Amino acid sequence: MIDQCLKSWYIIICRKASHTAERFRNQ
């Protein structure tokens, strides 16, 4: 259960990071 939670958090952070990088690249 804890492993699943960590995986979901990891995915959320990765998505935010990629989204921020994309926005930064567009500027």
PDB file of N, CA and C in Angstrom:
ATOM      1  N   MET A   1       0.839  -1.198   0.000  1.00  0.00           N
ATOM      2  CA  MET A   1       0.000   0.000   0.000  1.00  0.00           C
ATOM      3  C   MET A   1       0.880   1.256   0.000  1.00  0.00           C
ATOM      4  N   ILE A   2       1.917   1.263   0.834  1.00  0.00           N
ATOM      5  CA  ILE A   2       2.811   2.430   0.885  1.00  0.00           C
ATOM      6  C   ILE A   2       3.535   2.574  -0.454  1.00  0.00           C
ATOM      7  N   ASP A   3       3.944   1.438  -1.032  1.00  0.00           N
ATOM      8  CA  ASP A   3       4.655   1.475  -2.314  1.00  0.00           C
ATOM      9  C   ASP A   3       3.771   2.110  -3.382  1.00  0.00           C
ATOM     10  N   GLN A   4       2.467   1.751  -3.372  1.00  0.00           N
ATOM     11  CA  GLN A   4       1.531   2.312  -4.343  1.00  0.00           C
ATOM     12  C   GLN A   4       1.437   3.820  -4.162  1.00  0.00           C
ATOM     13  N   CYS A   5       1.384   4.253  -2.912  1.00  0.00           N
ATOM     14  CA  CYS A   5       1.271   5.684  -2.609  1.00  0.00           C
ATOM     15  C   CYS A   5       2.495   6.416  -3.141  1.00  0.00           C
ATOM     16  N   LEU A   6       3.677   5.856  -2.896  1.00  0.00           N
ATOM     17  CA  LEU A   6       4.912   6.494  -3.365  1.00  0.00           C
ATOM     18  C   LEU A   6       4.928   6.566  -4.886  1.00  0.00           C
ATOM     19  N   LYS A   7       4.446   5.495  -5.533  1.00  0.00           N
ATOM     20  CA  LYS A   7       4.423   5.478  -6.999  1.00  0.00           C
ATOM     21  C   LYS A   7       3.511   6.574  -7.521  1.00  0.00           C
ATOM     22  N   SER A   8       2.342   6.729  -6.910  1.00  0.00           N
ATOM     23  CA  SER A   8       1.399   7.751  -7.369  1.00  0.00           C
ATOM     24  C   SER A   8       1.996   9.142  -7.183  1.00  0.00           C
ATOM     25  N   TRP A   9       2.666   9.359  -6.044  1.00  0.00           N
ATOM     26  CA  TRP A   9       3.304  10.661  -5.801  1.00  0.00           C
ATOM     27  C   TRP A   9       4.400  10.892  -6.825  1.00  0.00           C
ATOM     28  N   TYR A  10       5.163   9.846  -7.133  1.00  0.00           N
ATOM     29  CA  TYR A  10       6.257   9.948  -8.105  1.00  0.00           C
ATOM     30  C   TYR A  10       5.708  10.362  -9.471  1.00  0.00           C
ATOM     31  N   ILE A  11       4.574   9.751  -9.854  1.00  0.00           N
ATOM     32  CA  ILE A  11       3.954  10.070 -11.145  1.00  0.00           C
ATOM     33  C   ILE A  11       3.480  11.517 -11.158  1.00  0.00           C
ATOM     34  N   ILE A  12       2.856  11.955 -10.059  1.00  0.00           N
ATOM     35  CA  ILE A  12       2.347  13.331  -9.980  1.00  0.00           C
ATOM     36  C   ILE A  12       3.500  14.321 -10.115  1.00  0.00           C
ATOM     37  N   ILE A  13       4.581  14.067  -9.389  1.00  0.00           N
ATOM     38  CA  ILE A  13       5.738  14.979  -9.429  1.00  0.00           C
ATOM     39  C   ILE A  13       6.342  14.986 -10.832  1.00  0.00           C
ATOM     40  N   CYS A  14       6.438  13.811 -11.446  1.00  0.00           N
ATOM     41  CA  CYS A  14       7.013  13.726 -12.795  1.00  0.00           C
ATOM     42  C   CYS A  14       6.171  14.529 -13.771  1.00  0.00           C
ATOM     43  N   ARG A  15       4.842  14.406 -13.650  1.00  0.00           N
ATOM     44  CA  ARG A  15       3.964  15.147 -14.559  1.00  0.00           C
ATOM     45  C   ARG A  15       4.146  16.639 -14.371  1.00  0.00           C
ATOM     46  N   LYS A  16       4.190  17.081 -13.118  1.00  0.00           N
ATOM     47  CA  LYS A  16       4.362  18.514 -12.843  1.00  0.00           C
ATOM     48  C   LYS A  16       5.695  18.995 -13.394  1.00  0.00           C
ATOM     49  N   ALA A  17       6.734  18.193 -13.205  1.00  0.00           N
ATOM     50  CA  ALA A  17       8.065  18.583 -13.669  1.00  0.00           C
ATOM     51  C   ALA A  17       8.079  18.707 -15.191  1.00  0.00           C
ATOM     52  N   SER A  18       7.502  17.723 -15.886  1.00  0.00           N
ATOM     53  CA  SER A  18       7.497  17.768 -17.349  1.00  0.00           C
ATOM     54  C   SER A  18       6.662  18.942 -17.832  1.00  0.00           C
ATOM     55  N   HIS A  19       5.555  19.216 -17.146  1.00  0.00           N
ATOM     56  CA  HIS A  19       4.692  20.335 -17.528  1.00  0.00           C
ATOM     57  C   HIS A  19       5.437  21.651 -17.354  1.00  0.00           C
ATOM     58  N   THR A  20       6.149  21.786 -16.254  1.00  0.00           N
ATOM     59  CA  THR A  20       6.910  23.019 -15.991  1.00  0.00           C
ATOM     60  C   THR A  20       8.026  23.168 -17.024  1.00  0.00           C
ATOM     61  N   ALA A  21       8.692  22.072 -17.344  1.00  0.00           N
ATOM     62  CA  ALA A  21       9.782  22.119 -18.327  1.00  0.00           C
ATOM     63  C   ALA A  21       9.235  22.536 -19.691  1.00  0.00           C
ATOM     64  N   GLU A  22       8.062  22.026 -20.043  1.00  0.00           N
ATOM     65  CA  GLU A  22       7.464  22.372 -21.329  1.00  0.00           C
ATOM     66  C   GLU A  22       7.158  23.863 -21.372  1.00  0.00           C
ATOM     67  N   ARG A  23       6.571  24.368 -20.305  1.00  0.00           N
ATOM     68  CA  ARG A  23       6.218  25.783 -20.252  1.00  0.00           C
ATOM     69  C   ARG A  23       7.483  26.640 -20.351  1.00  0.00           C
ATOM     70  N   PHE A  24       8.528  26.207 -19.648  1.00  0.00           N
ATOM     71  CA  PHE A  24       9.791  26.949 -19.651  1.00  0.00           C
ATOM     72  C   PHE A  24      10.405  26.950 -21.059  1.00  0.00           C
ATOM     73  N   ARG A  25      10.273  25.818 -21.753  1.00  0.00           N
ATOM     74  CA  ARG A  25      10.842  25.685 -23.093  1.00  0.00           C
ATOM     75  C   ARG A  25      10.081  26.590 -24.075  1.00  0.00           C
ATOM     76  N   ASN A  26       8.770  26.738 -23.878  1.00  0.00           N
ATOM     77  CA  ASN A  26       7.959  27.542 -24.796  1.00  0.00           C
ATOM     78  C   ASN A  26       8.275  29.027 -24.672  1.00  0.00           C
ATOM     79  N   GLN A  27       8.741  29.457 -23.516  1.00  0.00           N
ATOM     80  CA  GLN A  27       8.978  30.890 -23.311  1.00  0.00           C
ATOM     81  C   GLN A  27      10.172  31.409 -24.079  1.00  0.00           C
TER      82      GLN A  27
END
